[in-house]
Amino acid sequence: MDTIDDDSEAESDDNAAKKAQLSKQRAEQEKKKARKKKKAQAEKKEKAELQSLAFGIGRGVKAGGENRKAGGTGNDWEKWKEKDQKLADVTFENDMEEAILLSKMDFEQRKLLREAPESPKGKKSSKKKDKPHTLSINEFNQLGAADVKRFCNGEEVTTQVRISESTQDHSKPDKDEFFQQIEEDTRKALRREQILDSCRDQASLSSVQSILVKEELGKKDKELEQCNEEIQRLKEELLAVKKRNKRLCNILAQGEMREKAEILLEMEKVKQVNEELTTQVQELVEQLEQEKSKVHHLTDDLRKAQKMCAELLRVLRAQGPYQ
C-alpha cells in the first residue's frame, strides 16, 4: 500500500511538474508571441512614420522656394533616422543575444547528453516524496537546459552536475573558443547589418527623392501643357472677338452712314417745307396788308357816307316843319 501511495504521489508530482513545465512553456511562448507582435507593430509604425517623413520631405522639396519649414522637416528626418537606427541596432543586439543564449544552452545540453549517462527509467516509478532537493546558486547556474528541466521535475541532478563539473575543465577551451567565435560572428553580422541598413537607407532615400522629383516634373509638364492649351484657346477666342468687333464696327459705320443720309434728306425736306411756308406766310402777310388797306378805305368810305347821311338828315329836318 505504501508503494502504491508513493507511486500515486510520484505520479501526481510528475503531473504537477509537467503541468508547471507546460504552463511555463506556454507563458514563454505567449511572451515570445507578444514580443514578436509588439516588434511587428513597432516596425509597422516606424515604416509608416518613415514613409510620411519621406513624402513630407518630397513636399518640402516641391515648395522649397516658398516654404521656409523645409529645414525643419530635414532635421526631423535626421532625428527619426537616428532613432530608427538605434532601435534597429538594439533589436538586432537583443535578437543576437537571445540566439547566443539559446546556442549556449543547446551546446551545454549536447555536451551533457554526450558525456552524462542517462538515468534509468525505473527510478521514476520508485522515487518517493522526500524532502525537496536543494542546490546552491553556483550549482544551479552551472546546470544546462536539460538539467534545469529535470530539476524542475524533481529529479536528481547531482551526478550530472558532478560529471559536468568534472568535464568543465576539459570543455572550457572549446566553450571559450565557441563563444568567442559566436561573439565575433555576432559583431560581424551586426557590422554587416549596419552597413546594409545605411546603404538601404541611402538608396531608399535617394530613390524616394528621385521618384518624387520625377512625379513633380511630370506634374509640371502636365501643368505646362495645360497652360499652353489654355493660351492657344484664349488666342483663338481673342481672334474671334476681334473679327466680331470688326463686323460690328462695319455694321455700325454702315448704319451711321445711312442715318446720316436719311437725316440729310430730312433736313433738305424740312428746308424745302420751311421755304414754302415762308413764301406762303409772306403771301398771306401781303394779302393781310391788302385787306387792311381795303378795310381802311372802306372804313373811310363808311365814315364819309355816315357824315353825308347825317348832313342829309339834318337838312331834311331843317326843311321838314315848313312843308
C-alpha atoms as a PDB file:
ATOM      1  CA  MET A   1       0.000   0.000   0.000  1.00  0.00           C
ATOM      2  CA  ASP A   2       2.806   2.374   0.834  1.00  0.00           C
ATOM      3  CA  THR A   3       4.447   1.750  -2.516  1.00  0.00           C
ATOM      4  CA  ILE A   4       1.136   2.353  -4.298  1.00  0.00           C
ATOM      5  CA  ASP A   5       0.664   5.567  -2.374  1.00  0.00           C
ATOM      6  CA  ASP A   6       4.214   6.584  -3.131  1.00  0.00           C
ATOM      7  CA  ASP A   7       3.717   5.773  -6.796  1.00  0.00           C
ATOM      8  CA  SER A   8       0.482   7.744  -6.901  1.00  0.00           C
ATOM      9  CA  GLU A   9       2.123  10.643  -5.127  1.00  0.00           C
ATOM     10  CA  ALA A  10       5.079  10.458  -7.515  1.00  0.00           C
ATOM     11  CA  GLU A  11       2.721  10.392 -10.484  1.00  0.00           C
ATOM     12  CA  SER A  12       0.823  13.355  -9.082  1.00  0.00           C
ATOM     13  CA  ASP A  13       4.137  15.147  -8.565  1.00  0.00           C
ATOM     14  CA  ASP A  14       5.130  14.280 -12.122  1.00  0.00           C
ATOM     15  CA  ASN A  15       1.813  15.537 -13.397  1.00  0.00           C
ATOM     16  CA  ALA A  16       2.144  18.724 -11.363  1.00  0.00           C
ATOM     17  CA  ALA A  17       5.711  19.218 -12.606  1.00  0.00           C
ATOM     18  CA  LYS A  18       4.603  18.565 -16.176  1.00  0.00           C
ATOM     19  CA  LYS A  19       1.725  20.988 -15.782  1.00  0.00           C
ATOM     20  CA  ALA A  20       4.092  23.572 -14.323  1.00  0.00           C
ATOM     21  CA  GLN A  21       6.524  22.977 -17.148  1.00  0.00           C
ATOM     22  CA  LEU A  22       3.728  23.217 -19.721  1.00  0.00           C
ATOM     23  CA  SER A  23       2.453  26.406 -18.114  1.00  0.00           C
ATOM     24  CA  LYS A  24       5.990  27.815 -18.188  1.00  0.00           C
ATOM     25  CA  GLN A  25       6.396  26.848 -21.813  1.00  0.00           C
ATOM     26  CA  ARG A  26       3.040  28.366 -22.659  1.00  0.00           C
ATOM     27  CA  ALA A  27       3.944  31.532 -20.787  1.00  0.00           C
ATOM     28  CA  GLU A  28       7.254  31.688 -22.640  1.00  0.00           C
ATOM     29  CA  GLN A  29       5.501  31.122 -25.956  1.00  0.00           C
ATOM     30  CA  GLU A  30       2.942  33.799 -25.148  1.00  0.00           C
ATOM     31  CA  LYS A  31       5.738  36.166 -24.165  1.00  0.00           C
ATOM     32  CA  LYS A  32       7.560  35.419 -27.411  1.00  0.00           C
ATOM     33  CA  LYS A  33       4.361  35.942 -29.403  1.00  0.00           C
ATOM     34  CA  ALA A  34       3.656  39.207 -27.591  1.00  0.00           C
ATOM     35  CA  ARG A  35       7.253  40.288 -28.160  1.00  0.00           C
ATOM     36  CA  LYS A  36       7.045  39.443 -31.862  1.00  0.00           C
ATOM     37  CA  LYS A  37       3.678  41.169 -32.178  1.00  0.00           C
ATOM     38  CA  LYS A  38       4.980  44.245 -30.410  1.00  0.00           C
ATOM     39  CA  LYS A  39       8.082  44.230 -32.578  1.00  0.00           C
ATOM     40  CA  ALA A  40       5.969  43.905 -35.750  1.00  0.00           C
ATOM     41  CA  GLN A  41       3.724  46.753 -34.635  1.00  0.00           C
ATOM     42  CA  ALA A  42       6.747  48.911 -33.859  1.00  0.00           C
ATOM     43  CA  GLU A  43       8.292  48.129 -37.244  1.00  0.00           C
ATOM     44  CA  LYS A  44       4.989  48.863 -38.993  1.00  0.00           C
ATOM     45  CA  LYS A  45       4.633  52.136 -37.130  1.00  0.00           C
ATOM     46  CA  GLU A  46       8.219  53.096 -37.924  1.00  0.00           C
ATOM     47  CA  LYS A  47       7.712  52.266 -41.598  1.00  0.00           C
ATOM     48  CA  ALA A  48       4.588  54.431 -41.683  1.00  0.00           C
ATOM     49  CA  GLU A  49       6.443  57.258 -39.968  1.00  0.00           C
ATOM     50  CA  LEU A  50       9.375  56.900 -42.355  1.00  0.00           C
ATOM     51  CA  GLN A  51       7.029  56.955 -45.347  1.00  0.00           C
ATOM     52  CA  SER A  52       5.216  60.017 -44.026  1.00  0.00           C
ATOM     53  CA  LEU A  53       8.541  61.705 -43.360  1.00  0.00           C
ATOM     54  CA  ALA A  54       9.840  60.763 -46.801  1.00  0.00           C
ATOM     55  CA  PHE A  55       6.753  62.185 -48.515  1.00  0.00           C
ATOM     56  CA  GLY A  56       6.919  65.174 -46.195  1.00  0.00           C
ATOM     57  CA  ILE A  57      10.449  65.757 -47.456  1.00  0.00           C
ATOM     58  CA  GLY A  58       9.127  65.482 -51.019  1.00  0.00           C
ATOM     59  CA  ARG A  59       6.556  68.137 -50.346  1.00  0.00           C
ATOM     60  CA  GLY A  60       9.256  70.265 -48.767  1.00  0.00           C
ATOM     61  CA  VAL A  61      11.357  69.870 -51.925  1.00  0.00           C
ATOM     62  CA  LYS A  62       8.327  70.814 -54.027  1.00  0.00           C
ATOM     63  CA  ALA A  63       7.750  74.047 -52.150  1.00  0.00           C
ATOM     64  CA  GLY A  64      11.413  74.667 -51.358  1.00  0.00           C
ATOM     65  CA  GLY A  65      11.418  78.242 -52.624  1.00  0.00           C
ATOM     66  CA  GLU A  66       8.126  79.145 -50.983  1.00  0.00           C
ATOM     67  CA  ASN A  67       8.087  77.291 -47.690  1.00  0.00           C
ATOM     68  CA  ARG A  68      10.645  78.063 -45.001  1.00  0.00           C
ATOM     69  CA  LYS A  69       9.899  74.938 -42.994  1.00  0.00           C
ATOM     70  CA  ALA A  70      11.893  72.625 -45.258  1.00  0.00           C
ATOM     71  CA  GLY A  71      14.887  72.779 -42.919  1.00  0.00           C
ATOM     72  CA  GLY A  72      12.689  71.698 -40.018  1.00  0.00           C
ATOM     73  CA  THR A  73      11.460  68.624 -41.892  1.00  0.00           C
ATOM     74  CA  GLY A  74      15.064  67.714 -42.750  1.00  0.00           C
ATOM     75  CA  ASN A  75      16.062  67.923 -39.091  1.00  0.00           C
ATOM     76  CA  ASP A  76      13.059  65.797 -38.120  1.00  0.00           C
ATOM     77  CA  TRP A  77      14.018  63.277 -40.773  1.00  0.00           C
ATOM     78  CA  GLU A  78      17.586  63.057 -39.412  1.00  0.00           C
ATOM     79  CA  LYS A  79      16.287  62.619 -35.858  1.00  0.00           C
ATOM     80  CA  TRP A  80      13.864  59.904 -36.877  1.00  0.00           C
ATOM     81  CA  LYS A  81      16.568  58.237 -38.932  1.00  0.00           C
ATOM     82  CA  GLU A  82      18.929  58.150 -35.943  1.00  0.00           C
ATOM     83  CA  LYS A  83      16.126  56.921 -33.701  1.00  0.00           C
ATOM     84  CA  ASP A  84      15.210  54.162 -36.137  1.00  0.00           C
ATOM     85  CA  GLN A  85      18.864  53.164 -36.481  1.00  0.00           C
ATOM     86  CA  LYS A  86      19.276  52.962 -32.712  1.00  0.00           C
ATOM     87  CA  LEU A  87      16.083  50.947 -32.353  1.00  0.00           C
ATOM     88  CA  ALA A  88      17.152  48.579 -35.131  1.00  0.00           C
ATOM     89  CA  ASP A  89      20.569  48.120 -33.508  1.00  0.00           C
ATOM     90  CA  VAL A  90      19.002  47.451 -30.115  1.00  0.00           C
ATOM     91  CA  THR A  91      16.528  44.931 -31.505  1.00  0.00           C
ATOM     92  CA  PHE A  92      19.260  43.232 -33.505  1.00  0.00           C
ATOM     93  CA  GLU A  93      21.523  43.050 -30.460  1.00  0.00           C
ATOM     94  CA  ASN A  94      18.685  41.624 -28.375  1.00  0.00           C
ATOM     95  CA  ASP A  95      17.945  39.030 -31.029  1.00  0.00           C
ATOM     96  CA  MET A  96      21.615  38.127 -31.285  1.00  0.00           C
ATOM     97  CA  GLU A  97      21.943  37.859 -27.504  1.00  0.00           C
ATOM     98  CA  GLU A  98      18.889  35.637 -27.402  1.00  0.00           C
ATOM     99  CA  ALA A  99      20.338  33.498 -30.183  1.00  0.00           C
ATOM    100  CA  ILE A 100      23.676  33.294 -28.342  1.00  0.00           C
ATOM    101  CA  LEU A 101      21.948  32.223 -25.135  1.00  0.00           C
ATOM    102  CA  LEU A 102      19.967  29.596 -26.991  1.00  0.00           C
ATOM    103  CA  SER A 103      23.126  28.366 -28.676  1.00  0.00           C
ATOM    104  CA  LYS A 104      24.868  28.217 -25.282  1.00  0.00           C
ATOM    105  CA  MET A 105      22.026  26.213 -23.799  1.00  0.00           C
ATOM    106  CA  ASP A 106      21.972  23.929 -26.827  1.00  0.00           C
ATOM    107  CA  PHE A 107      25.733  23.492 -26.653  1.00  0.00           C
ATOM    108  CA  GLU A 108      25.667  22.614 -22.936  1.00  0.00           C
ATOM    109  CA  GLN A 109      22.726  20.298 -23.433  1.00  0.00           C
ATOM    110  CA  ARG A 110      24.516  18.433 -26.204  1.00  0.00           C
ATOM    111  CA  LYS A 111      27.685  18.218 -24.090  1.00  0.00           C
ATOM    112  CA  LEU A 112      25.737  16.790 -21.184  1.00  0.00           C
ATOM    113  CA  LEU A 113      23.899  14.335 -23.405  1.00  0.00           C
ATOM    114  CA  ARG A 114      27.175  13.133 -24.916  1.00  0.00           C
ATOM    115  CA  GLU A 115      29.107  12.799 -21.639  1.00  0.00           C
ATOM    116  CA  ALA A 116      26.487  12.127 -18.938  1.00  0.00           C
ATOM    117  CA  PRO A 117      24.872   8.642 -18.707  1.00  0.00           C
ATOM    118  CA  GLU A 118      21.108   8.508 -18.994  1.00  0.00           C
ATOM    119  CA  SER A 119      19.222   7.917 -15.764  1.00  0.00           C
ATOM    120  CA  PRO A 120      17.321   4.597 -15.636  1.00  0.00           C
ATOM    121  CA  LYS A 121      13.585   4.721 -16.178  1.00  0.00           C
ATOM    122  CA  GLY A 122      12.894   2.601 -13.109  1.00  0.00           C
ATOM    123  CA  LYS A 123      13.895   5.440 -10.828  1.00  0.00           C
ATOM    124  CA  LYS A 124      10.814   7.441 -11.874  1.00  0.00           C
ATOM    125  CA  SER A 125       8.430   4.772 -10.607  1.00  0.00           C
ATOM    126  CA  SER A 126      10.320   4.097  -7.383  1.00  0.00           C
ATOM    127  CA  LYS A 127      11.011   7.725  -6.351  1.00  0.00           C
ATOM    128  CA  LYS A 128       9.213   8.881  -3.253  1.00  0.00           C
ATOM    129  CA  LYS A 129       8.013  12.189  -1.967  1.00  0.00           C
ATOM    130  CA  ASP A 130      11.041  13.108   0.082  1.00  0.00           C
ATOM    131  CA  LYS A 131      12.461  16.404   1.110  1.00  0.00           C
ATOM    132  CA  PRO A 132      12.848  18.758  -1.907  1.00  0.00           C
ATOM    133  CA  HIS A 133      16.276  18.639  -3.447  1.00  0.00           C
ATOM    134  CA  THR A 134      18.237  21.846  -2.962  1.00  0.00           C
ATOM    135  CA  LEU A 135      21.121  23.281  -4.936  1.00  0.00           C
ATOM    136  CA  SER A 136      23.416  26.184  -4.380  1.00  0.00           C
ATOM    137  CA  ILE A 137      23.387  29.201  -6.638  1.00  0.00           C
ATOM    138  CA  ASN A 138      26.661  28.243  -8.298  1.00  0.00           C
ATOM    139  CA  GLU A 139      25.423  24.698  -8.910  1.00  0.00           C
ATOM    140  CA  PHE A 140      22.153  25.992 -10.337  1.00  0.00           C
ATOM    141  CA  ASN A 141      24.000  28.417 -12.607  1.00  0.00           C
ATOM    142  CA  GLN A 142      26.152  25.557 -13.871  1.00  0.00           C
ATOM    143  CA  LEU A 143      23.114  23.499 -14.855  1.00  0.00           C
ATOM    144  CA  GLY A 144      22.207  23.104 -18.512  1.00  0.00           C
ATOM    145  CA  ALA A 145      18.779  23.382 -20.088  1.00  0.00           C
ATOM    146  CA  ALA A 146      18.028  19.663 -19.696  1.00  0.00           C
ATOM    147  CA  ASP A 147      19.267  19.716 -16.079  1.00  0.00           C
ATOM    148  CA  VAL A 148      17.011  22.667 -15.293  1.00  0.00           C
ATOM    149  CA  LYS A 149      14.028  20.776 -16.670  1.00  0.00           C
ATOM    150  CA  ARG A 150      14.936  17.676 -14.648  1.00  0.00           C
ATOM    151  CA  PHE A 151      15.450  19.784 -11.549  1.00  0.00           C
ATOM    152  CA  CYS A 152      12.007  21.379 -12.031  1.00  0.00           C
ATOM    153  CA  ASN A 153      10.554  17.879 -12.363  1.00  0.00           C
ATOM    154  CA  GLY A 154      12.181  16.926  -9.055  1.00  0.00           C
ATOM    155  CA  GLU A 155      14.801  14.553 -10.448  1.00  0.00           C
ATOM    156  CA  GLU A 156      18.301  14.131  -9.088  1.00  0.00           C
ATOM    157  CA  VAL A 157      20.887  16.155 -10.963  1.00  0.00           C
ATOM    158  CA  THR A 158      23.841  15.869  -8.558  1.00  0.00           C
ATOM    159  CA  THR A 159      25.611  13.165 -10.584  1.00  0.00           C
ATOM    160  CA  GLN A 160      25.157  15.100 -13.760  1.00  0.00           C
ATOM    161  CA  VAL A 161      26.362  18.251 -12.051  1.00  0.00           C
ATOM    162  CA  ARG A 162      29.467  16.405 -10.844  1.00  0.00           C
ATOM    163  CA  ILE A 163      30.047  14.992 -14.296  1.00  0.00           C
ATOM    164  CA  SER A 164      29.581  18.401 -15.852  1.00  0.00           C
ATOM    165  CA  GLU A 165      31.921  19.885 -13.247  1.00  0.00           C
ATOM    166  CA  SER A 166      34.498  17.191 -13.955  1.00  0.00           C
ATOM    167  CA  THR A 167      34.172  17.757 -17.679  1.00  0.00           C
ATOM    168  CA  GLN A 168      34.010  21.533 -17.352  1.00  0.00           C
ATOM    169  CA  ASP A 169      37.776  21.897 -17.252  1.00  0.00           C
ATOM    170  CA  HIS A 170      38.161  19.726 -20.362  1.00  0.00           C
ATOM    171  CA  SER A 171      35.445  21.501 -22.351  1.00  0.00           C
ATOM    172  CA  LYS A 172      36.272  25.032 -21.200  1.00  0.00           C
ATOM    173  CA  PRO A 173      38.710  25.845 -24.029  1.00  0.00           C
ATOM    174  CA  ASP A 174      36.199  24.567 -26.584  1.00  0.00           C
ATOM    175  CA  LYS A 175      33.450  26.594 -24.962  1.00  0.00           C
ATOM    176  CA  ASP A 176      35.591  29.725 -24.878  1.00  0.00           C
ATOM    177  CA  GLU A 177      36.574  29.332 -28.499  1.00  0.00           C
ATOM    178  CA  PHE A 178      32.996  28.552 -29.458  1.00  0.00           C
ATOM    179  CA  PHE A 179      31.571  31.574 -27.655  1.00  0.00           C
ATOM    180  CA  GLN A 180      34.361  33.818 -28.891  1.00  0.00           C
ATOM    181  CA  GLN A 181      33.589  32.669 -32.406  1.00  0.00           C
ATOM    182  CA  ILE A 182      29.890  33.328 -31.807  1.00  0.00           C
ATOM    183  CA  GLU A 183      30.604  36.805 -30.461  1.00  0.00           C
ATOM    184  CA  GLU A 184      32.914  37.522 -33.395  1.00  0.00           C
ATOM    185  CA  ASP A 185      30.261  36.322 -35.821  1.00  0.00           C
ATOM    186  CA  THR A 186      27.719  38.432 -33.978  1.00  0.00           C
ATOM    187  CA  ARG A 187      29.881  41.534 -34.269  1.00  0.00           C
ATOM    188  CA  LYS A 188      30.497  40.843 -37.950  1.00  0.00           C
ATOM    189  CA  ALA A 189      26.798  40.260 -38.578  1.00  0.00           C
ATOM    190  CA  LEU A 190      25.915  43.430 -36.668  1.00  0.00           C
ATOM    191  CA  ARG A 191      28.512  45.420 -38.606  1.00  0.00           C
ATOM    192  CA  ARG A 192      27.287  43.948 -41.888  1.00  0.00           C
ATOM    193  CA  GLU A 193      23.671  44.695 -40.989  1.00  0.00           C
ATOM    194  CA  GLN A 194      24.581  48.271 -40.061  1.00  0.00           C
ATOM    195  CA  ILE A 195      26.373  48.771 -43.374  1.00  0.00           C
ATOM    196  CA  LEU A 196      23.472  47.210 -45.281  1.00  0.00           C
ATOM    197  CA  ASP A 197      20.956  49.325 -43.369  1.00  0.00           C
ATOM    198  CA  SER A 198      22.899  52.508 -44.104  1.00  0.00           C
ATOM    199  CA  CYS A 199      23.157  51.556 -47.780  1.00  0.00           C
ATOM    200  CA  ARG A 200      19.455  50.689 -47.870  1.00  0.00           C
ATOM    201  CA  ASP A 201      18.539  53.965 -46.168  1.00  0.00           C
ATOM    202  CA  GLN A 202      20.638  55.990 -48.593  1.00  0.00           C
ATOM    203  CA  ALA A 203      19.318  54.054 -51.575  1.00  0.00           C
ATOM    204  CA  SER A 204      15.711  54.283 -50.389  1.00  0.00           C
ATOM    205  CA  LEU A 205      16.076  57.994 -49.640  1.00  0.00           C
ATOM    206  CA  SER A 206      17.675  58.712 -53.000  1.00  0.00           C
ATOM    207  CA  SER A 207      15.115  56.531 -54.790  1.00  0.00           C
ATOM    208  CA  VAL A 208      12.253  58.220 -52.952  1.00  0.00           C
ATOM    209  CA  GLN A 209      13.643  61.657 -53.758  1.00  0.00           C
ATOM    210  CA  SER A 210      14.189  60.723 -57.402  1.00  0.00           C
ATOM    211  CA  ILE A 211      10.664  59.323 -57.623  1.00  0.00           C
ATOM    212  CA  LEU A 212       9.265  62.463 -56.034  1.00  0.00           C
ATOM    213  CA  VAL A 213      11.308  64.664 -58.377  1.00  0.00           C
ATOM    214  CA  LYS A 214      10.071  62.645 -61.366  1.00  0.00           C
ATOM    215  CA  GLU A 215       6.493  62.972 -60.156  1.00  0.00           C
ATOM    216  CA  GLU A 216       6.944  66.708 -59.681  1.00  0.00           C
ATOM    217  CA  LEU A 217       8.483  67.030 -63.143  1.00  0.00           C
ATOM    218  CA  GLY A 218       5.589  65.069 -64.613  1.00  0.00           C
ATOM    219  CA  LYS A 219       3.109  67.321 -62.821  1.00  0.00           C
ATOM    220  CA  LYS A 220       4.961  70.433 -64.029  1.00  0.00           C
ATOM    221  CA  ASP A 221       4.958  69.109 -67.611  1.00  0.00           C
ATOM    222  CA  LYS A 222       1.218  68.462 -67.390  1.00  0.00           C
ATOM    223  CA  GLU A 223       0.671  71.953 -65.982  1.00  0.00           C
ATOM    224  CA  LEU A 224       2.754  73.458 -68.807  1.00  0.00           C
ATOM    225  CA  GLU A 225       0.744  71.526 -71.393  1.00  0.00           C
ATOM    226  CA  GLN A 226      -2.489  72.717 -69.806  1.00  0.00           C
ATOM    227  CA  CYS A 227      -1.190  76.308 -69.764  1.00  0.00           C
ATOM    228  CA  ASN A 228      -0.174  76.086 -73.435  1.00  0.00           C
ATOM    229  CA  GLU A 229      -3.590  74.688 -74.344  1.00  0.00           C
ATOM    230  CA  GLU A 230      -5.255  77.467 -72.352  1.00  0.00           C
ATOM    231  CA  ILE A 231      -3.107  80.110 -74.088  1.00  0.00           C
ATOM    232  CA  GLN A 232      -3.954  78.666 -77.510  1.00  0.00           C
ATOM    233  CA  ARG A 233      -7.659  78.613 -76.667  1.00  0.00           C
ATOM    234  CA  LEU A 234      -7.533  82.212 -75.420  1.00  0.00           C
ATOM    235  CA  LYS A 235      -5.738  83.298 -78.606  1.00  0.00           C
ATOM    236  CA  GLU A 236      -8.449  81.697 -80.721  1.00  0.00           C
ATOM    237  CA  GLU A 237     -11.138  83.373 -78.620  1.00  0.00           C
ATOM    238  CA  LEU A 238      -9.328  86.722 -78.967  1.00  0.00           C
ATOM    239  CA  LEU A 239      -9.198  86.380 -82.763  1.00  0.00           C
ATOM    240  CA  ALA A 240     -12.896  85.505 -82.841  1.00  0.00           C
ATOM    241  CA  VAL A 241     -13.715  88.521 -80.659  1.00  0.00           C
ATOM    242  CA  LYS A 242     -11.634  90.797 -82.903  1.00  0.00           C
ATOM    243  CA  LYS A 243     -13.446  89.546 -86.013  1.00  0.00           C
ATOM    244  CA  ARG A 244     -16.806  90.024 -84.348  1.00  0.00           C
ATOM    245  CA  ASN A 245     -15.864  93.546 -83.228  1.00  0.00           C
ATOM    246  CA  LYS A 246     -14.720  94.393 -86.749  1.00  0.00           C
ATOM    247  CA  ARG A 247     -18.039  93.227 -88.168  1.00  0.00           C
ATOM    248  CA  LEU A 248     -19.911  95.218 -85.565  1.00  0.00           C
ATOM    249  CA  CYS A 249     -17.848  98.309 -86.379  1.00  0.00           C
ATOM    250  CA  ASN A 250     -18.630  97.902 -90.081  1.00  0.00           C
ATOM    251  CA  ILE A 251     -22.309  97.422 -89.341  1.00  0.00           C
ATOM    252  CA  LEU A 252     -22.339 100.472 -87.070  1.00  0.00           C
ATOM    253  CA  ALA A 253     -20.478 102.530 -89.655  1.00  0.00           C
ATOM    254  CA  GLN A 254     -22.944 101.499 -92.342  1.00  0.00           C
ATOM    255  CA  GLY A 255     -25.824 102.305 -90.019  1.00  0.00           C
ATOM    256  CA  GLU A 256     -24.344 105.674 -89.183  1.00  0.00           C
ATOM    257  CA  MET A 257     -23.884 106.464 -92.872  1.00  0.00           C
ATOM    258  CA  ARG A 258     -27.477 105.504 -93.586  1.00  0.00           C
ATOM    259  CA  GLU A 259     -28.696 107.530 -90.662  1.00  0.00           C
ATOM    260  CA  LYS A 260     -26.641 110.500 -91.770  1.00  0.00           C
ATOM    261  CA  ALA A 261     -28.018 110.234 -95.309  1.00  0.00           C
ATOM    262  CA  GLU A 262     -31.573 109.960 -94.011  1.00  0.00           C
ATOM    263  CA  ILE A 263     -31.006 112.902 -91.693  1.00  0.00           C
ATOM    264  CA  LEU A 264     -29.626 114.984 -94.559  1.00  0.00           C
ATOM    265  CA  LEU A 265     -32.641 114.091 -96.693  1.00  0.00           C
ATOM    266  CA  GLU A 266     -34.978 115.018 -93.882  1.00  0.00           C
ATOM    267  CA  MET A 267     -33.142 118.292 -93.419  1.00  0.00           C
ATOM    268  CA  GLU A 268     -33.499 119.058 -97.131  1.00  0.00           C
ATOM    269  CA  LYS A 269     -37.188 118.276 -96.957  1.00  0.00           C
ATOM    270  CA  VAL A 270     -37.565 120.439 -93.870  1.00  0.00           C
ATOM    271  CA  LYS A 271     -35.725 123.263 -95.596  1.00  0.00           C
ATOM    272  CA  GLN A 272     -37.984 122.989 -98.597  1.00  0.00           C
ATOM    273  CA  VAL A 273     -41.063 122.972 -96.382  1.00  0.00           C
ATOM    274  CA  ASN A 274     -39.670 125.918 -94.445  1.00  0.00           C
ATOM    275  CA  GLU A 275     -39.090 127.857 -97.631  1.00  0.00           C
ATOM    276  CA  GLU A 276     -42.573 127.016 -98.847  1.00  0.00           C
ATOM    277  CA  LEU A 277     -44.059 128.060 -95.533  1.00  0.00           C
ATOM    278  CA  THR A 278     -42.083 131.307 -95.504  1.00  0.00           C
ATOM    279  CA  THR A 279     -43.309 132.137 -99.014  1.00  0.00           C
ATOM    280  CA  GLN A 280     -46.858 131.321 -98.005  1.00  0.00           C
ATOM    281  CA  VAL A 281     -46.511 133.443 -94.879  1.00  0.00           C
ATOM    282  CA  GLN A 282     -45.169 136.318 -96.943  1.00  0.00           C
ATOM    283  CA  GLU A 283     -48.056 135.978 -99.376  1.00  0.00           C
ATOM    284  CA  LEU A 284     -50.519 135.868 -96.505  1.00  0.00           C
ATOM    285  CA  VAL A 285     -48.898 138.898 -94.940  1.00  0.00           C
ATOM    286  CA  GLU A 286     -49.198 140.764 -98.229  1.00  0.00           C
ATOM    287  CA  GLN A 287     -52.810 139.690 -98.537  1.00  0.00           C
ATOM    288  CA  LEU A 288     -53.385 140.788 -94.960  1.00  0.00           C
ATOM    289  CA  GLU A 289     -51.895 144.167 -95.703  1.00  0.00           C
ATOM    290  CA  GLN A 290     -54.036 144.446 -98.762  1.00  0.00           C
ATOM    291  CA  GLU A 291     -57.096 143.510 -96.766  1.00  0.00           C
ATOM    292  CA  LYS A 292     -56.143 146.002 -94.090  1.00  0.00           C
ATOM    293  CA  SER A 293     -55.800 148.706 -96.681  1.00  0.00           C
ATOM    294  CA  LYS A 294     -59.153 147.713 -98.147  1.00  0.00           C
ATOM    295  CA  VAL A 295     -60.731 147.790 -94.695  1.00  0.00           C
ATOM    296  CA  HIS A 296     -59.169 151.170 -94.064  1.00  0.00           C
ATOM    297  CA  HIS A 297     -60.578 152.515 -97.314  1.00  0.00           C
ATOM    298  CA  LEU A 298     -63.940 151.008 -96.580  1.00  0.00           C
ATOM    299  CA  THR A 299     -63.982 152.496 -93.095  1.00  0.00           C
ATOM    300  CA  ASP A 300     -63.115 155.843 -94.603  1.00  0.00           C
ATOM    301  CA  ASP A 301     -65.888 155.468 -97.146  1.00  0.00           C
ATOM    302  CA  LEU A 302     -68.268 154.416 -94.392  1.00  0.00           C
ATOM    303  CA  ARG A 303     -67.407 157.432 -92.317  1.00  0.00           C
ATOM    304  CA  LYS A 304     -67.907 159.692 -95.314  1.00  0.00           C
ATOM    305  CA  ALA A 305     -71.238 158.043 -96.024  1.00  0.00           C
ATOM    306  CA  GLN A 306     -72.290 158.405 -92.417  1.00  0.00           C
ATOM    307  CA  LYS A 307     -71.359 162.073 -92.452  1.00  0.00           C
ATOM    308  CA  MET A 308     -73.294 162.598 -95.649  1.00  0.00           C
ATOM    309  CA  CYS A 309     -76.292 160.784 -94.180  1.00  0.00           C
ATOM    310  CA  ALA A 310     -76.130 162.871 -91.040  1.00  0.00           C
ATOM    311  CA  GLU A 311     -75.979 166.063 -93.052  1.00  0.00           C
ATOM    312  CA  LEU A 312     -78.885 164.999 -95.232  1.00  0.00           C
ATOM    313  CA  LEU A 313     -80.946 164.169 -92.173  1.00  0.00           C
ATOM    314  CA  ARG A 314     -80.125 167.446 -90.638  1.00  0.00           C
ATOM    315  CA  VAL A 315     -81.034 169.185 -93.832  1.00  0.00           C
ATOM    316  CA  LEU A 316     -84.229 167.290 -94.066  1.00  0.00           C
ATOM    317  CA  ARG A 317     -85.104 168.061 -90.507  1.00  0.00           C
ATOM    318  CA  ALA A 318     -84.414 171.632 -91.088  1.00  0.00           C
ATOM    319  CA  GLN A 319     -86.757 171.743 -94.045  1.00  0.00           C
ATOM    320  CA  GLY A 320     -89.458 169.487 -92.567  1.00  0.00           C
ATOM    321  CA  PRO A 321     -91.643 171.938 -90.472  1.00  0.00           C
ATOM    322  CA  TYR A 322     -92.040 174.454 -93.282  1.00  0.00           C
ATOM    323  CA  GLN A 323     -93.644 171.986 -95.510  1.00  0.00           C
END
